[in-house]
Amino acid sequence: MRPDGVDPPSRQRRWPASLGGHVGLLIVGVLAIGVVAWILAGVVFALLHVIELIIVGALAGWAGYRLGRYRGRHERR
């Protein structure tokens, strides 16, 4: 090496060097994915429940309307 040469800076690690650090990051990542999946599943099932209530309400309204028209048509006035 030349006397006026400069050593390059040493490389610094961005990730934890220990195995425990890697395992900790893996556990946190898996938990985060699980929480997001749980929230998305809850939203999907809530929307399906709302759709179910709308369909049941529409069917009950239609059945009541048909029953009312049928009974109303056969009543004596």
N, C-alpha and C. Protein backbone atom coordinates (compact mmCIF):
# COMPACT_ATOMS: atom_id res chain seq x y z
N MET A 1 0.84 -1.17 0.00
CA MET A 1 0.00 0.00 0.00
C MET A 1 0.88 1.23 0.00
N ARG A 2 0.41 2.22 -0.71
CA ARG A 2 1.18 3.46 -0.78
C ARG A 2 1.06 4.22 0.54
N PRO A 3 2.03 4.99 0.89
CA PRO A 3 1.98 5.72 2.15
C PRO A 3 0.84 6.74 2.21
N ASP A 4 0.43 7.28 1.09
CA ASP A 4 -0.65 8.26 1.13
C ASP A 4 -2.01 7.62 0.82
N GLY A 5 -2.06 6.30 0.77
CA GLY A 5 -3.32 5.60 0.48
C GLY A 5 -4.26 5.62 1.69
N VAL A 6 -5.54 5.49 1.40
CA VAL A 6 -6.56 5.50 2.45
C VAL A 6 -7.27 4.16 2.44
N ASP A 7 -7.45 3.61 3.62
CA ASP A 7 -8.19 2.35 3.71
C ASP A 7 -9.67 2.63 3.42
N PRO A 8 -10.32 1.74 2.64
CA PRO A 8 -11.76 1.93 2.42
C PRO A 8 -12.52 1.68 3.72
N PRO A 9 -13.64 2.37 3.91
CA PRO A 9 -14.39 2.15 5.16
C PRO A 9 -14.90 0.71 5.23
N SER A 10 -14.97 0.22 6.45
CA SER A 10 -15.44 -1.15 6.61
C SER A 10 -16.94 -1.21 6.34
N ARG A 11 -17.39 -2.36 5.84
CA ARG A 11 -18.81 -2.53 5.55
C ARG A 11 -19.57 -2.72 6.85
N GLN A 12 -20.68 -2.02 6.95
CA GLN A 12 -21.50 -2.16 8.14
C GLN A 12 -22.71 -3.03 7.79
N ARG A 13 -23.08 -3.88 8.72
CA ARG A 13 -24.23 -4.75 8.50
C ARG A 13 -25.49 -4.00 8.88
N ARG A 14 -26.52 -4.18 8.07
CA ARG A 14 -27.80 -3.57 8.37
C ARG A 14 -28.68 -4.51 9.17
N TRP A 15 -28.47 -5.79 9.07
CA TRP A 15 -29.29 -6.79 9.75
C TRP A 15 -28.59 -7.27 11.00
N PRO A 16 -29.36 -7.73 11.99
CA PRO A 16 -28.72 -8.27 13.19
C PRO A 16 -27.85 -9.48 12.83
N ALA A 17 -26.70 -9.55 13.45
CA ALA A 17 -25.77 -10.63 13.12
C ALA A 17 -26.11 -11.92 13.84
N SER A 18 -26.88 -11.83 14.91
CA SER A 18 -27.14 -13.04 15.68
C SER A 18 -28.31 -13.82 15.11
N LEU A 19 -28.35 -15.09 15.40
CA LEU A 19 -29.44 -15.95 14.96
C LEU A 19 -30.75 -15.54 15.64
N GLY A 20 -30.67 -15.13 16.89
CA GLY A 20 -31.86 -14.69 17.61
C GLY A 20 -32.52 -13.50 16.96
N GLY A 21 -31.73 -12.60 16.42
CA GLY A 21 -32.27 -11.43 15.71
C GLY A 21 -33.03 -11.84 14.47
N HIS A 22 -32.50 -12.79 13.74
CA HIS A 22 -33.17 -13.28 12.53
C HIS A 22 -34.47 -13.99 12.88
N VAL A 23 -34.42 -14.80 13.91
CA VAL A 23 -35.63 -15.52 14.34
C VAL A 23 -36.68 -14.54 14.83
N GLY A 24 -36.25 -13.52 15.57
CA GLY A 24 -37.17 -12.50 16.05
C GLY A 24 -37.84 -11.77 14.91
N LEU A 25 -37.06 -11.39 13.89
CA LEU A 25 -37.64 -10.72 12.72
C LEU A 25 -38.60 -11.64 11.98
N LEU A 26 -38.27 -12.91 11.90
CA LEU A 26 -39.15 -13.87 11.23
C LEU A 26 -40.47 -14.00 11.98
N ILE A 27 -40.41 -14.08 13.30
CA ILE A 27 -41.63 -14.21 14.11
C ILE A 27 -42.49 -12.95 13.97
N VAL A 28 -41.88 -11.79 14.02
CA VAL A 28 -42.63 -10.54 13.87
C VAL A 28 -43.27 -10.47 12.49
N GLY A 29 -42.56 -10.88 11.46
CA GLY A 29 -43.11 -10.87 10.11
C GLY A 29 -44.29 -11.82 9.96
N VAL A 30 -44.15 -13.02 10.51
CA VAL A 30 -45.25 -13.99 10.43
C VAL A 30 -46.47 -13.48 11.20
N LEU A 31 -46.25 -12.88 12.37
CA LEU A 31 -47.36 -12.33 13.15
C LEU A 31 -48.04 -11.18 12.40
N ALA A 32 -47.27 -10.33 11.77
CA ALA A 32 -47.84 -9.21 11.02
C ALA A 32 -48.69 -9.72 9.86
N ILE A 33 -48.20 -10.73 9.14
CA ILE A 33 -48.97 -11.30 8.04
C ILE A 33 -50.25 -11.94 8.58
N GLY A 34 -50.15 -12.62 9.72
CA GLY A 34 -51.33 -13.25 10.33
C GLY A 34 -52.39 -12.23 10.73
N VAL A 35 -51.94 -11.11 11.31
CA VAL A 35 -52.90 -10.07 11.72
C VAL A 35 -53.59 -9.46 10.51
N VAL A 36 -52.83 -9.18 9.46
CA VAL A 36 -53.43 -8.62 8.24
C VAL A 36 -54.41 -9.60 7.62
N ALA A 37 -54.06 -10.88 7.58
CA ALA A 37 -54.96 -11.89 7.02
C ALA A 37 -56.22 -12.00 7.87
N TRP A 38 -56.10 -11.90 9.19
CA TRP A 38 -57.25 -11.99 10.10
C TRP A 38 -58.19 -10.81 9.86
N ILE A 39 -57.63 -9.62 9.71
CA ILE A 39 -58.45 -8.43 9.47
C ILE A 39 -59.16 -8.54 8.12
N LEU A 40 -58.44 -8.98 7.10
CA LEU A 40 -59.07 -9.12 5.77
C LEU A 40 -60.18 -10.18 5.80
N ALA A 41 -59.95 -11.28 6.50
CA ALA A 41 -60.99 -12.30 6.60
C ALA A 41 -62.21 -11.75 7.32
N GLY A 42 -62.00 -10.97 8.36
CA GLY A 42 -63.12 -10.35 9.08
C GLY A 42 -63.91 -9.41 8.19
N VAL A 43 -63.22 -8.63 7.38
CA VAL A 43 -63.91 -7.71 6.46
C VAL A 43 -64.72 -8.50 5.43
N VAL A 44 -64.13 -9.55 4.88
CA VAL A 44 -64.84 -10.36 3.88
C VAL A 44 -66.08 -11.00 4.48
N PHE A 45 -65.95 -11.59 5.68
CA PHE A 45 -67.11 -12.23 6.30
C PHE A 45 -68.17 -11.21 6.71
N ALA A 46 -67.76 -10.02 7.10
CA ALA A 46 -68.73 -8.97 7.43
C ALA A 46 -69.52 -8.57 6.18
N LEU A 47 -68.83 -8.42 5.06
CA LEU A 47 -69.52 -8.08 3.80
C LEU A 47 -70.47 -9.19 3.38
N LEU A 48 -70.03 -10.44 3.52
CA LEU A 48 -70.91 -11.56 3.18
C LEU A 48 -72.14 -11.58 4.08
N HIS A 49 -71.99 -11.23 5.35
CA HIS A 49 -73.12 -11.21 6.27
C HIS A 49 -74.10 -10.10 5.89
N VAL A 50 -73.59 -8.94 5.50
CA VAL A 50 -74.45 -7.84 5.06
C VAL A 50 -75.22 -8.25 3.81
N ILE A 51 -74.54 -8.88 2.87
CA ILE A 51 -75.21 -9.35 1.64
C ILE A 51 -76.28 -10.38 1.99
N GLU A 52 -75.97 -11.27 2.93
CA GLU A 52 -76.94 -12.28 3.36
C GLU A 52 -78.19 -11.61 3.95
N LEU A 53 -77.99 -10.61 4.79
CA LEU A 53 -79.13 -9.91 5.40
C LEU A 53 -79.98 -9.21 4.34
N ILE A 54 -79.34 -8.62 3.35
CA ILE A 54 -80.09 -7.95 2.27
C ILE A 54 -80.91 -8.96 1.49
N ILE A 55 -80.32 -10.10 1.17
CA ILE A 55 -81.04 -11.13 0.40
C ILE A 55 -82.21 -11.68 1.21
N VAL A 56 -81.98 -11.98 2.49
CA VAL A 56 -83.06 -12.52 3.33
C VAL A 56 -84.18 -11.49 3.47
N GLY A 57 -83.82 -10.22 3.65
CA GLY A 57 -84.83 -9.17 3.75
C GLY A 57 -85.64 -9.03 2.47
N ALA A 58 -84.97 -9.10 1.33
CA ALA A 58 -85.67 -9.00 0.05
C ALA A 58 -86.60 -10.19 -0.15
N LEU A 59 -86.14 -11.39 0.19
CA LEU A 59 -86.99 -12.57 0.05
C LEU A 59 -88.19 -12.51 0.98
N ALA A 60 -87.98 -12.05 2.21
CA ALA A 60 -89.09 -11.94 3.16
C ALA A 60 -90.09 -10.89 2.68
N GLY A 61 -89.59 -9.78 2.16
CA GLY A 61 -90.49 -8.75 1.61
C GLY A 61 -91.28 -9.26 0.43
N TRP A 62 -90.61 -9.98 -0.46
CA TRP A 62 -91.30 -10.52 -1.63
C TRP A 62 -92.36 -11.54 -1.19
N ALA A 63 -92.01 -12.42 -0.24
CA ALA A 63 -92.97 -13.42 0.24
C ALA A 63 -94.16 -12.74 0.91
N GLY A 64 -93.92 -11.72 1.72
CA GLY A 64 -95.02 -11.00 2.36
C GLY A 64 -95.90 -10.29 1.35
N TYR A 65 -95.31 -9.72 0.34
CA TYR A 65 -96.07 -9.05 -0.71
C TYR A 65 -96.95 -10.06 -1.46
N ARG A 66 -96.36 -11.19 -1.82
CA ARG A 66 -97.14 -12.20 -2.55
C ARG A 66 -98.27 -12.75 -1.68
N LEU A 67 -97.99 -13.00 -0.42
CA LEU A 67 -99.01 -13.51 0.49
C LEU A 67 -100.12 -12.48 0.66
N GLY A 68 -99.77 -11.23 0.81
CA GLY A 68 -100.76 -10.17 0.96
C GLY A 68 -101.63 -10.01 -0.27
N ARG A 69 -101.04 -10.11 -1.44
CA ARG A 69 -101.82 -10.00 -2.67
C ARG A 69 -102.75 -11.20 -2.82
N TYR A 70 -102.25 -12.39 -2.47
CA TYR A 70 -103.06 -13.59 -2.60
C TYR A 70 -104.25 -13.54 -1.64
N ARG A 71 -103.99 -13.19 -0.39
CA ARG A 71 -105.09 -13.13 0.59
C ARG A 71 -106.03 -11.98 0.27
N GLY A 72 -105.52 -10.89 -0.17
CA GLY A 72 -106.35 -9.74 -0.50
C GLY A 72 -107.27 -10.00 -1.68
N ARG A 73 -106.84 -10.82 -2.58
CA ARG A 73 -107.62 -11.11 -3.77
C ARG A 73 -108.82 -12.00 -3.44
N HIS A 74 -108.72 -12.84 -2.40
CA HIS A 74 -109.78 -13.79 -2.08
C HIS A 74 -110.69 -13.33 -0.93
N GLU A 75 -110.47 -12.15 -0.39
CA GLU A 75 -111.34 -11.68 0.68
C GLU A 75 -112.66 -11.19 0.11
N ARG A 76 -113.72 -11.40 0.88
CA ARG A 76 -115.02 -10.86 0.47
C ARG A 76 -115.11 -9.42 0.93
N ARG A 77 -115.65 -8.61 0.10
CA ARG A 77 -115.73 -7.20 0.46
C ARG A 77 -117.08 -6.83 0.95
